[in-house]
């Protein structure tokens, strides 16, 4: 069977990461659905953006090949001759170009400018357990930063913690908290924090050594970290821990995978070894 072509147009360099992540997922899903090779052709406006996009797509999904291209004089004609399955346009592509493509019989899809979300209430109906747990965590953190013997801090801390609990009680805890589950997680988190700080220091030294070498041995690639079975809070903690560690940057996260941009082979090997992911899992699940 022949290769299926997907086009992606990056007109706004500031949105390149989001556009590439969306195009990557679309190409991966098409390769799985069709059972054939997929060629992802990405058009970029300038050399700097092309270099950036090439780095983000240096490690494409299985069954996907990538071509990073310069703009053509007659883009619509070039697209028609390639007969793509779909053309992905970012928000920087004007409406006239989109209309021309549609008039030429080309299927067009706009890259979402914002992550889709359902409308949420300003105040969540979190339930008593979630409200109380969020209140205690917020109040304790407030007093730890202030003076727990100062009446002013006690009163303002309680008011602030009550407001945070009312707004975020249903977000902080996916499930109603219980002492049997929450207290061990807090205890394990106290072990995770110094581990994460050590990883940040170690990665800083490694990246500094690479940057200071005259040959500048960087090899940027993107990798996917599986997230199946991880809760929302656990996914968020892992994505932020990855971004805090120099040499790796979380680009996009879904319920299934975390897309990470890695700067060097060493940072990529550390990420693929799964040590950090297992440490985050330890916080939530323990040794099991």
C-alpha atoms as a PDB file:
ATOM      1  CA  UNK A   1       0.000   0.000   0.000  1.00  0.00           C
ATOM      2  CA  UNK A   2       1.170   3.581  -0.696  1.00  0.00           C
ATOM      3  CA  UNK A   3       1.971   6.280   1.800  1.00  0.00           C
ATOM      4  CA  UNK A   4      -0.722   8.661   3.004  1.00  0.00           C
ATOM      5  CA  UNK A   5       0.206  12.359   3.045  1.00  0.00           C
ATOM      6  CA  UNK A   6      -0.697  14.794   5.818  1.00  0.00           C
ATOM      7  CA  UNK A   7       0.154  18.479   5.547  1.00  0.00           C
ATOM      8  CA  UNK A   8       0.681  20.808   8.508  1.00  0.00           C
ATOM      9  CA  UNK A   9       1.219  24.548   8.104  1.00  0.00           C
ATOM     10  CA  UNK A  10       3.054  26.490  10.807  1.00  0.00           C
ATOM     11  CA  UNK A  11       2.402  30.162  10.131  1.00  0.00           C
ATOM     12  CA  UNK A  12       2.779  31.356  13.727  1.00  0.00           C
ATOM     13  CA  UNK A  13       6.224  30.399  15.136  1.00  0.00           C
ATOM     14  CA  UNK A  14       4.964  30.992  18.678  1.00  0.00           C
ATOM     15  CA  UNK A  15       2.416  28.188  18.193  1.00  0.00           C
ATOM     16  CA  UNK A  16       4.876  25.743  16.620  1.00  0.00           C
ATOM     17  CA  UNK A  17       5.012  23.397  19.636  1.00  0.00           C
ATOM     18  CA  UNK A  18       1.228  23.085  19.800  1.00  0.00           C
ATOM     19  CA  UNK A  19       0.872  22.654  16.037  1.00  0.00           C
ATOM     20  CA  UNK A  20       3.584  19.990  15.891  1.00  0.00           C
ATOM     21  CA  UNK A  21       2.111  18.085  18.830  1.00  0.00           C
ATOM     22  CA  UNK A  22      -1.331  18.111  17.183  1.00  0.00           C
ATOM     23  CA  UNK A  23       0.102  17.069  13.788  1.00  0.00           C
ATOM     24  CA  UNK A  24       2.137  14.319  15.438  1.00  0.00           C
ATOM     25  CA  UNK A  25      -0.937  12.832  17.127  1.00  0.00           C
ATOM     26  CA  UNK A  26      -2.962  13.093  13.906  1.00  0.00           C
ATOM     27  CA  UNK A  27      -0.252  11.318  11.888  1.00  0.00           C
ATOM     28  CA  UNK A  28       0.173   8.628  14.534  1.00  0.00           C
ATOM     29  CA  UNK A  29      -3.571   7.951  14.662  1.00  0.00           C
ATOM     30  CA  UNK A  30      -3.774   7.860  10.845  1.00  0.00           C
ATOM     31  CA  UNK A  31      -0.925   5.334  10.650  1.00  0.00           C
ATOM     32  CA  UNK A  32      -2.648   3.093  13.194  1.00  0.00           C
ATOM     33  CA  UNK A  33      -6.072   3.450  11.593  1.00  0.00           C
ATOM     34  CA  UNK A  34      -4.978   2.901   7.985  1.00  0.00           C
ATOM     35  CA  UNK A  35      -2.238   0.360   8.617  1.00  0.00           C
ATOM     36  CA  UNK A  36       0.015   2.091   6.107  1.00  0.00           C
ATOM     37  CA  UNK A  37       2.875   4.561   6.093  1.00  0.00           C
ATOM     38  CA  UNK A  38       2.096   8.228   6.670  1.00  0.00           C
ATOM     39  CA  UNK A  39       4.197  11.113   5.388  1.00  0.00           C
ATOM     40  CA  UNK A  40       3.828  14.250   7.513  1.00  0.00           C
ATOM     41  CA  UNK A  41       4.866  17.326   5.535  1.00  0.00           C
ATOM     42  CA  UNK A  42       5.269  20.430   7.683  1.00  0.00           C
ATOM     43  CA  UNK A  43       5.598  23.862   6.095  1.00  0.00           C
ATOM     44  CA  UNK A  44       7.392  26.491   8.199  1.00  0.00           C
ATOM     45  CA  UNK A  45       7.808  30.228   7.536  1.00  0.00           C
ATOM     46  CA  UNK A  46      11.536  30.620   8.309  1.00  0.00           C
ATOM     47  CA  UNK A  47      14.756  28.710   8.900  1.00  0.00           C
ATOM     48  CA  UNK A  48      14.651  29.096  12.681  1.00  0.00           C
ATOM     49  CA  UNK A  49      11.166  27.603  12.886  1.00  0.00           C
ATOM     50  CA  UNK A  50      12.130  24.779  10.513  1.00  0.00           C
ATOM     51  CA  UNK A  51      15.082  23.883  12.758  1.00  0.00           C
ATOM     52  CA  UNK A  52      12.829  23.911  15.794  1.00  0.00           C
ATOM     53  CA  UNK A  53      10.156  21.785  14.131  1.00  0.00           C
ATOM     54  CA  UNK A  54      12.758  19.333  12.823  1.00  0.00           C
ATOM     55  CA  UNK A  55      13.985  18.860  16.380  1.00  0.00           C
ATOM     56  CA  UNK A  56      10.474  18.269  17.700  1.00  0.00           C
ATOM     57  CA  UNK A  57       9.846  15.681  14.988  1.00  0.00           C
ATOM     58  CA  UNK A  58      13.290  14.081  15.051  1.00  0.00           C
ATOM     59  CA  UNK A  59      11.769  10.943  16.581  1.00  0.00           C
ATOM     60  CA  UNK A  60       8.420  10.479  14.779  1.00  0.00           C
ATOM     61  CA  UNK A  61       5.842   7.848  15.731  1.00  0.00           C
ATOM     62  CA  UNK A  62       6.062   4.390  14.209  1.00  0.00           C
ATOM     63  CA  UNK A  63       4.939   4.359  10.575  1.00  0.00           C
ATOM     64  CA  UNK A  64       5.365   8.126  10.149  1.00  0.00           C
ATOM     65  CA  UNK A  65       8.028   9.861   8.082  1.00  0.00           C
ATOM     66  CA  UNK A  66       8.566  13.607   8.297  1.00  0.00           C
ATOM     67  CA  UNK A  67       9.479  16.279   5.753  1.00  0.00           C
ATOM     68  CA  UNK A  68       9.987  19.878   6.906  1.00  0.00           C
ATOM     69  CA  UNK A  69       9.526  22.270   3.986  1.00  0.00           C
ATOM     70  CA  UNK A  70       9.812  25.909   2.994  1.00  0.00           C
ATOM     71  CA  UNK A  71       6.778  27.854   1.729  1.00  0.00           C
ATOM     72  CA  UNK A  72       5.975  27.444  -1.976  1.00  0.00           C
ATOM     73  CA  UNK A  73       4.877  30.122  -4.422  1.00  0.00           C
ATOM     74  CA  UNK A  74       1.581  28.370  -5.135  1.00  0.00           C
ATOM     75  CA  UNK A  75       0.769  26.541  -1.940  1.00  0.00           C
ATOM     76  CA  UNK A  76      -2.731  25.458  -2.980  1.00  0.00           C
ATOM     77  CA  UNK A  77      -1.460  23.860  -6.208  1.00  0.00           C
ATOM     78  CA  UNK A  78       1.346  22.096  -4.351  1.00  0.00           C
ATOM     79  CA  UNK A  79      -1.118  20.700  -1.816  1.00  0.00           C
ATOM     80  CA  UNK A  80      -3.519  19.496  -4.501  1.00  0.00           C
ATOM     81  CA  UNK A  81      -0.723  17.690  -6.338  1.00  0.00           C
ATOM     82  CA  UNK A  82       0.239  15.867  -3.119  1.00  0.00           C
ATOM     83  CA  UNK A  83      -3.374  14.723  -2.594  1.00  0.00           C
ATOM     84  CA  UNK A  84      -3.171  14.866   1.217  1.00  0.00           C
ATOM     85  CA  UNK A  85      -5.591  13.157   3.568  1.00  0.00           C
ATOM     86  CA  UNK A  86      -5.936  16.394   5.516  1.00  0.00           C
ATOM     87  CA  UNK A  87      -4.215  19.779   5.819  1.00  0.00           C
ATOM     88  CA  UNK A  88      -3.713  21.080   9.367  1.00  0.00           C
ATOM     89  CA  UNK A  89      -3.641  24.876   9.642  1.00  0.00           C
ATOM     90  CA  UNK A  90      -2.594  26.816  12.717  1.00  0.00           C
ATOM     91  CA  UNK A  91      -4.288  30.037  13.815  1.00  0.00           C
ATOM     92  CA  UNK A  92      -1.791  32.136  11.860  1.00  0.00           C
ATOM     93  CA  UNK A  93      -3.046  30.938   8.446  1.00  0.00           C
ATOM     94  CA  UNK A  94      -5.498  33.441   6.984  1.00  0.00           C
ATOM     95  CA  UNK A  95      -9.096  32.592   6.158  1.00  0.00           C
ATOM     96  CA  UNK A  96      -8.560  33.239   2.433  1.00  0.00           C
ATOM     97  CA  UNK A  97      -6.005  30.414   2.208  1.00  0.00           C
ATOM     98  CA  UNK A  98      -8.360  28.098   4.037  1.00  0.00           C
ATOM     99  CA  UNK A  99     -11.200  28.952   1.646  1.00  0.00           C
ATOM    100  CA  UNK A 100      -8.943  28.360  -1.369  1.00  0.00           C
ATOM    101  CA  UNK A 101      -8.010  24.919  -0.078  1.00  0.00           C
ATOM    102  CA  UNK A 102     -11.623  23.995   0.614  1.00  0.00           C
ATOM    103  CA  UNK A 103     -12.698  25.269  -2.816  1.00  0.00           C
ATOM    104  CA  UNK A 104     -10.003  23.015  -4.321  1.00  0.00           C
ATOM    105  CA  UNK A 105     -11.599  20.025  -2.607  1.00  0.00           C
ATOM    106  CA  UNK A 106      -8.932  19.662   0.095  1.00  0.00           C
ATOM    107  CA  UNK A 107      -9.977  18.569   3.561  1.00  0.00           C
ATOM    108  CA  UNK A 108      -8.853  21.223   6.075  1.00  0.00           C
ATOM    109  CA  UNK A 109      -8.607  21.047   9.848  1.00  0.00           C
ATOM    110  CA  UNK A 110      -7.700  23.918  12.159  1.00  0.00           C
ATOM    111  CA  UNK A 111      -5.239  23.195  14.985  1.00  0.00           C
ATOM    112  CA  UNK A 112      -7.080  23.996  18.232  1.00  0.00           C
ATOM    113  CA  UNK A 113      -5.826  27.303  19.585  1.00  0.00           C
ATOM    114  CA  UNK A 114      -6.750  26.287  23.111  1.00  0.00           C
ATOM    115  CA  UNK A 115      -7.147  22.959  24.844  1.00  0.00           C
ATOM    116  CA  UNK A 116     -10.761  21.882  24.760  1.00  0.00           C
ATOM    117  CA  UNK A 117     -12.427  22.053  28.135  1.00  0.00           C
ATOM    118  CA  UNK A 118     -15.881  21.750  29.498  1.00  0.00           C
ATOM    119  CA  UNK A 119     -17.460  24.729  31.243  1.00  0.00           C
ATOM    120  CA  UNK A 120     -16.831  24.560  34.968  1.00  0.00           C
ATOM    121  CA  UNK A 121     -18.590  26.148  37.872  1.00  0.00           C
ATOM    122  CA  UNK A 122     -16.729  28.904  39.696  1.00  0.00           C
ATOM    123  CA  UNK A 123     -17.381  27.092  42.968  1.00  0.00           C
ATOM    124  CA  UNK A 124     -17.092  23.322  42.794  1.00  0.00           C
ATOM    125  CA  UNK A 125     -19.385  21.027  44.699  1.00  0.00           C
ATOM    126  CA  UNK A 126     -16.413  19.249  46.174  1.00  0.00           C
ATOM    127  CA  UNK A 127     -18.086  17.538  49.100  1.00  0.00           C
ATOM    128  CA  UNK A 128     -17.150  17.888  52.756  1.00  0.00           C
ATOM    129  CA  UNK A 129     -14.134  15.573  52.636  1.00  0.00           C
ATOM    130  CA  UNK A 130     -12.516  17.279  49.648  1.00  0.00           C
ATOM    131  CA  UNK A 131     -13.282  20.747  51.007  1.00  0.00           C
ATOM    132  CA  UNK A 132     -11.810  19.934  54.416  1.00  0.00           C
ATOM    133  CA  UNK A 133      -8.690  18.283  52.998  1.00  0.00           C
ATOM    134  CA  UNK A 134      -8.007  21.194  50.612  1.00  0.00           C
ATOM    135  CA  UNK A 135      -8.659  23.676  53.423  1.00  0.00           C
ATOM    136  CA  UNK A 136      -6.196  21.962  55.784  1.00  0.00           C
ATOM    137  CA  UNK A 137      -3.487  21.698  53.125  1.00  0.00           C
ATOM    138  CA  UNK A 138      -3.892  25.343  52.116  1.00  0.00           C
ATOM    139  CA  UNK A 139      -4.071  26.568  55.714  1.00  0.00           C
ATOM    140  CA  UNK A 140      -1.000  24.577  56.718  1.00  0.00           C
ATOM    141  CA  UNK A 141       0.986  25.910  53.736  1.00  0.00           C
ATOM    142  CA  UNK A 142      -0.110  29.477  54.502  1.00  0.00           C
ATOM    143  CA  UNK A 143       0.972  29.225  58.131  1.00  0.00           C
ATOM    144  CA  UNK A 144       4.257  27.567  57.170  1.00  0.00           C
ATOM    145  CA  UNK A 145       5.082  30.665  55.112  1.00  0.00           C
ATOM    146  CA  UNK A 146       3.790  33.077  57.751  1.00  0.00           C
ATOM    147  CA  UNK A 147       3.690  33.222  61.530  1.00  0.00           C
ATOM    148  CA  UNK A 148       1.376  30.635  63.132  1.00  0.00           C
ATOM    149  CA  UNK A 149       1.407  32.654  66.378  1.00  0.00           C
ATOM    150  CA  UNK A 150       0.199  35.889  64.748  1.00  0.00           C
ATOM    151  CA  UNK A 151      -3.596  36.352  65.052  1.00  0.00           C
ATOM    152  CA  UNK A 152      -3.644  38.272  61.764  1.00  0.00           C
ATOM    153  CA  UNK A 153      -2.009  35.353  59.917  1.00  0.00           C
ATOM    154  CA  UNK A 154      -4.370  32.906  61.578  1.00  0.00           C
ATOM    155  CA  UNK A 155      -7.459  34.834  60.448  1.00  0.00           C
ATOM    156  CA  UNK A 156      -6.303  35.736  56.927  1.00  0.00           C
ATOM    157  CA  UNK A 157      -4.925  32.223  56.441  1.00  0.00           C
ATOM    158  CA  UNK A 158      -8.262  30.675  57.359  1.00  0.00           C
ATOM    159  CA  UNK A 159     -10.128  33.005  54.999  1.00  0.00           C
ATOM    160  CA  UNK A 160      -7.698  32.342  52.148  1.00  0.00           C
ATOM    161  CA  UNK A 161      -7.759  28.581  52.728  1.00  0.00           C
ATOM    162  CA  UNK A 162     -11.569  28.560  52.754  1.00  0.00           C
ATOM    163  CA  UNK A 163     -11.655  30.413  49.426  1.00  0.00           C
ATOM    164  CA  UNK A 164      -9.104  28.026  47.863  1.00  0.00           C
ATOM    165  CA  UNK A 165     -11.037  25.015  49.138  1.00  0.00           C
ATOM    166  CA  UNK A 166     -14.307  26.351  47.722  1.00  0.00           C
ATOM    167  CA  UNK A 167     -12.757  27.007  44.308  1.00  0.00           C
ATOM    168  CA  UNK A 168     -10.393  24.056  43.953  1.00  0.00           C
ATOM    169  CA  UNK A 169     -11.651  21.346  46.274  1.00  0.00           C
ATOM    170  CA  UNK A 170     -13.099  19.387  43.369  1.00  0.00           C
ATOM    171  CA  UNK A 171      -9.929  19.798  41.295  1.00  0.00           C
ATOM    172  CA  UNK A 172      -7.171  18.988  43.791  1.00  0.00           C
ATOM    173  CA  UNK A 173      -8.711  15.635  44.717  1.00  0.00           C
ATOM    174  CA  UNK A 174     -10.131  13.398  41.983  1.00  0.00           C
ATOM    175  CA  UNK A 175     -11.581  11.058  44.618  1.00  0.00           C
ATOM    176  CA  UNK A 176     -12.849  11.863  48.096  1.00  0.00           C
ATOM    177  CA  UNK A 177      -9.723  11.821  50.323  1.00  0.00           C
ATOM    178  CA  UNK A 178      -9.330   9.430  53.198  1.00  0.00           C
ATOM    179  CA  UNK A 179      -6.735   9.401  55.945  1.00  0.00           C
ATOM    180  CA  UNK A 180      -5.764   5.833  55.045  1.00  0.00           C
ATOM    181  CA  UNK A 181      -4.828   6.840  51.485  1.00  0.00           C
ATOM    182  CA  UNK A 182      -3.884  10.531  51.761  1.00  0.00           C
ATOM    183  CA  UNK A 183      -1.546  10.488  54.764  1.00  0.00           C
ATOM    184  CA  UNK A 184       0.782   7.817  53.281  1.00  0.00           C
ATOM    185  CA  UNK A 185       0.895   9.815  50.036  1.00  0.00           C
ATOM    186  CA  UNK A 186       1.937  12.930  51.935  1.00  0.00           C
ATOM    187  CA  UNK A 187       4.626  10.926  53.745  1.00  0.00           C
ATOM    188  CA  UNK A 188       5.922   9.497  50.458  1.00  0.00           C
ATOM    189  CA  UNK A 189       5.868  12.989  48.910  1.00  0.00           C
ATOM    190  CA  UNK A 190       8.323  14.151  51.593  1.00  0.00           C
ATOM    191  CA  UNK A 191      10.727  11.527  50.221  1.00  0.00           C
ATOM    192  CA  UNK A 192      10.035  12.480  46.618  1.00  0.00           C
ATOM    193  CA  UNK A 193      10.869  16.190  47.038  1.00  0.00           C
ATOM    194  CA  UNK A 194      14.565  15.743  47.932  1.00  0.00           C
ATOM    195  CA  UNK A 195      14.862  13.112  45.191  1.00  0.00           C
ATOM    196  CA  UNK A 196      13.444  15.575  42.642  1.00  0.00           C
ATOM    197  CA  UNK A 197      15.787  18.330  43.876  1.00  0.00           C
ATOM    198  CA  UNK A 198      18.738  15.976  43.416  1.00  0.00           C
ATOM    199  CA  UNK A 199      17.600  15.139  39.876  1.00  0.00           C
ATOM    200  CA  UNK A 200      17.289  18.863  39.081  1.00  0.00           C
ATOM    201  CA  UNK A 201      20.817  19.546  40.366  1.00  0.00           C
ATOM    202  CA  UNK A 202      22.239  16.552  38.507  1.00  0.00           C
ATOM    203  CA  UNK A 203      20.519  17.557  35.262  1.00  0.00           C
ATOM    204  CA  UNK A 204      21.718  21.159  35.651  1.00  0.00           C
ATOM    205  CA  UNK A 205      25.308  19.982  35.888  1.00  0.00           C
ATOM    206  CA  UNK A 206      24.888  17.664  32.899  1.00  0.00           C
ATOM    207  CA  UNK A 207      23.361  20.378  30.699  1.00  0.00           C
ATOM    208  CA  UNK A 208      25.985  22.903  31.823  1.00  0.00           C
ATOM    209  CA  UNK A 209      28.729  20.445  30.830  1.00  0.00           C
ATOM    210  CA  UNK A 210      27.165  20.044  27.386  1.00  0.00           C
ATOM    211  CA  UNK A 211      26.714  23.791  26.851  1.00  0.00           C
ATOM    212  CA  UNK A 212      30.297  24.569  27.911  1.00  0.00           C
ATOM    213  CA  UNK A 213      31.819  22.023  25.531  1.00  0.00           C
ATOM    214  CA  UNK A 214      33.011  23.720  22.307  1.00  0.00           C
ATOM    215  CA  UNK A 215      31.454  20.988  20.158  1.00  0.00           C
ATOM    216  CA  UNK A 216      28.030  21.588  21.777  1.00  0.00           C
ATOM    217  CA  UNK A 217      26.959  17.917  21.520  1.00  0.00           C
ATOM    218  CA  UNK A 218      23.195  18.351  21.584  1.00  0.00           C
ATOM    219  CA  UNK A 219      20.806  16.001  19.814  1.00  0.00           C
ATOM    220  CA  UNK A 220      17.204  17.240  20.284  1.00  0.00           C
ATOM    221  CA  UNK A 221      14.434  14.697  19.896  1.00  0.00           C
ATOM    222  CA  UNK A 222      10.923  14.152  21.208  1.00  0.00           C
ATOM    223  CA  UNK A 223       9.851  11.003  23.013  1.00  0.00           C
ATOM    224  CA  UNK A 224       6.525   9.719  24.272  1.00  0.00           C
ATOM    225  CA  UNK A 225       6.098   8.581  27.865  1.00  0.00           C
ATOM    226  CA  UNK A 226       3.107   6.256  28.391  1.00  0.00           C
ATOM    227  CA  UNK A 227       0.571   7.485  30.946  1.00  0.00           C
ATOM    228  CA  UNK A 228      -2.088   4.778  30.846  1.00  0.00           C
ATOM    229  CA  UNK A 229      -3.616   4.184  34.256  1.00  0.00           C
ATOM    230  CA  UNK A 230      -2.330   7.406  35.779  1.00  0.00           C
ATOM    231  CA  UNK A 231      -4.745   9.874  37.360  1.00  0.00           C
ATOM    232  CA  UNK A 232      -5.057  13.531  36.455  1.00  0.00           C
ATOM    233  CA  UNK A 233      -3.016  14.786  39.414  1.00  0.00           C
ATOM    234  CA  UNK A 234      -0.326  12.159  38.823  1.00  0.00           C
ATOM    235  CA  UNK A 235      -0.057  13.138  35.141  1.00  0.00           C
ATOM    236  CA  UNK A 236       0.267  16.795  36.120  1.00  0.00           C
ATOM    237  CA  UNK A 237       2.954  16.039  38.715  1.00  0.00           C
ATOM    238  CA  UNK A 238       4.991  13.983  36.259  1.00  0.00           C
ATOM    239  CA  UNK A 239       4.718  16.589  33.493  1.00  0.00           C
ATOM    240  CA  UNK A 240       5.863  19.353  35.836  1.00  0.00           C
ATOM    241  CA  UNK A 241       8.671  17.240  37.296  1.00  0.00           C
ATOM    242  CA  UNK A 242       9.933  16.562  33.761  1.00  0.00           C
ATOM    243  CA  UNK A 243       9.856  20.271  32.878  1.00  0.00           C
ATOM    244  CA  UNK A 244      11.660  21.208  36.109  1.00  0.00           C
ATOM    245  CA  UNK A 245      14.535  18.916  35.161  1.00  0.00           C
ATOM    246  CA  UNK A 246      16.878  20.724  32.720  1.00  0.00           C
ATOM    247  CA  UNK A 247      17.287  18.976  29.394  1.00  0.00           C
ATOM    248  CA  UNK A 248      13.665  17.830  29.171  1.00  0.00           C
ATOM    249  CA  UNK A 249      10.492  19.809  28.532  1.00  0.00           C
ATOM    250  CA  UNK A 250       6.905  18.569  28.559  1.00  0.00           C
ATOM    251  CA  UNK A 251       5.313  19.640  25.258  1.00  0.00           C
ATOM    252  CA  UNK A 252       1.880  18.024  25.432  1.00  0.00           C
ATOM    253  CA  UNK A 253       0.010  15.663  27.722  1.00  0.00           C
ATOM    254  CA  UNK A 254      -3.030  13.486  27.100  1.00  0.00           C
ATOM    255  CA  UNK A 255      -4.645  10.697  29.073  1.00  0.00           C
ATOM    256  CA  UNK A 256      -2.456   8.206  27.170  1.00  0.00           C
ATOM    257  CA  UNK A 257       0.945   9.818  26.614  1.00  0.00           C
ATOM    258  CA  UNK A 258       3.262  12.620  27.684  1.00  0.00           C
ATOM    259  CA  UNK A 259       5.176  14.185  24.780  1.00  0.00           C
ATOM    260  CA  UNK A 260       8.604  15.377  25.951  1.00  0.00           C
ATOM    261  CA  UNK A 261      11.292  17.323  24.101  1.00  0.00           C
ATOM    262  CA  UNK A 262      14.770  16.121  25.100  1.00  0.00           C
ATOM    263  CA  UNK A 263      17.979  18.065  24.498  1.00  0.00           C
ATOM    264  CA  UNK A 264      20.675  15.372  24.709  1.00  0.00           C
ATOM    265  CA  UNK A 265      20.925  11.582  24.403  1.00  0.00           C
ATOM    266  CA  UNK A 266      21.726  11.378  28.140  1.00  0.00           C
ATOM    267  CA  UNK A 267      18.557  13.238  29.117  1.00  0.00           C
ATOM    268  CA  UNK A 268      16.590  11.027  26.745  1.00  0.00           C
ATOM    269  CA  UNK A 269      18.058   7.862  28.242  1.00  0.00           C
ATOM    270  CA  UNK A 270      17.245   9.043  31.767  1.00  0.00           C
ATOM    271  CA  UNK A 271      13.664   9.749  30.741  1.00  0.00           C
ATOM    272  CA  UNK A 272      13.230   6.434  28.901  1.00  0.00           C
ATOM    273  CA  UNK A 273      14.653   4.504  31.863  1.00  0.00           C
ATOM    274  CA  UNK A 274      11.448   5.454  33.693  1.00  0.00           C
ATOM    275  CA  UNK A 275      13.137   6.342  36.994  1.00  0.00           C
ATOM    276  CA  UNK A 276      11.338   9.665  37.391  1.00  0.00           C
ATOM    277  CA  UNK A 277       8.009   8.152  36.310  1.00  0.00           C
ATOM    278  CA  UNK A 278       8.414   5.369  38.884  1.00  0.00           C
ATOM    279  CA  UNK A 279       9.246   7.930  41.578  1.00  0.00           C
ATOM    280  CA  UNK A 280       6.030   9.815  40.824  1.00  0.00           C
ATOM    281  CA  UNK A 281       4.083   6.554  40.812  1.00  0.00           C
ATOM    282  CA  UNK A 282       5.653   5.770  44.228  1.00  0.00           C
ATOM    283  CA  UNK A 283       4.087   8.934  45.660  1.00  0.00           C
ATOM    284  CA  UNK A 284       0.606   7.796  44.675  1.00  0.00           C
ATOM    285  CA  UNK A 285       0.787   4.008  44.847  1.00  0.00           C
ATOM    286  CA  UNK A 286       3.738   3.163  47.102  1.00  0.00           C
ATOM    287  CA  UNK A 287       5.990   0.231  46.256  1.00  0.00           C
ATOM    288  CA  UNK A 288       3.129  -1.605  44.567  1.00  0.00           C
END
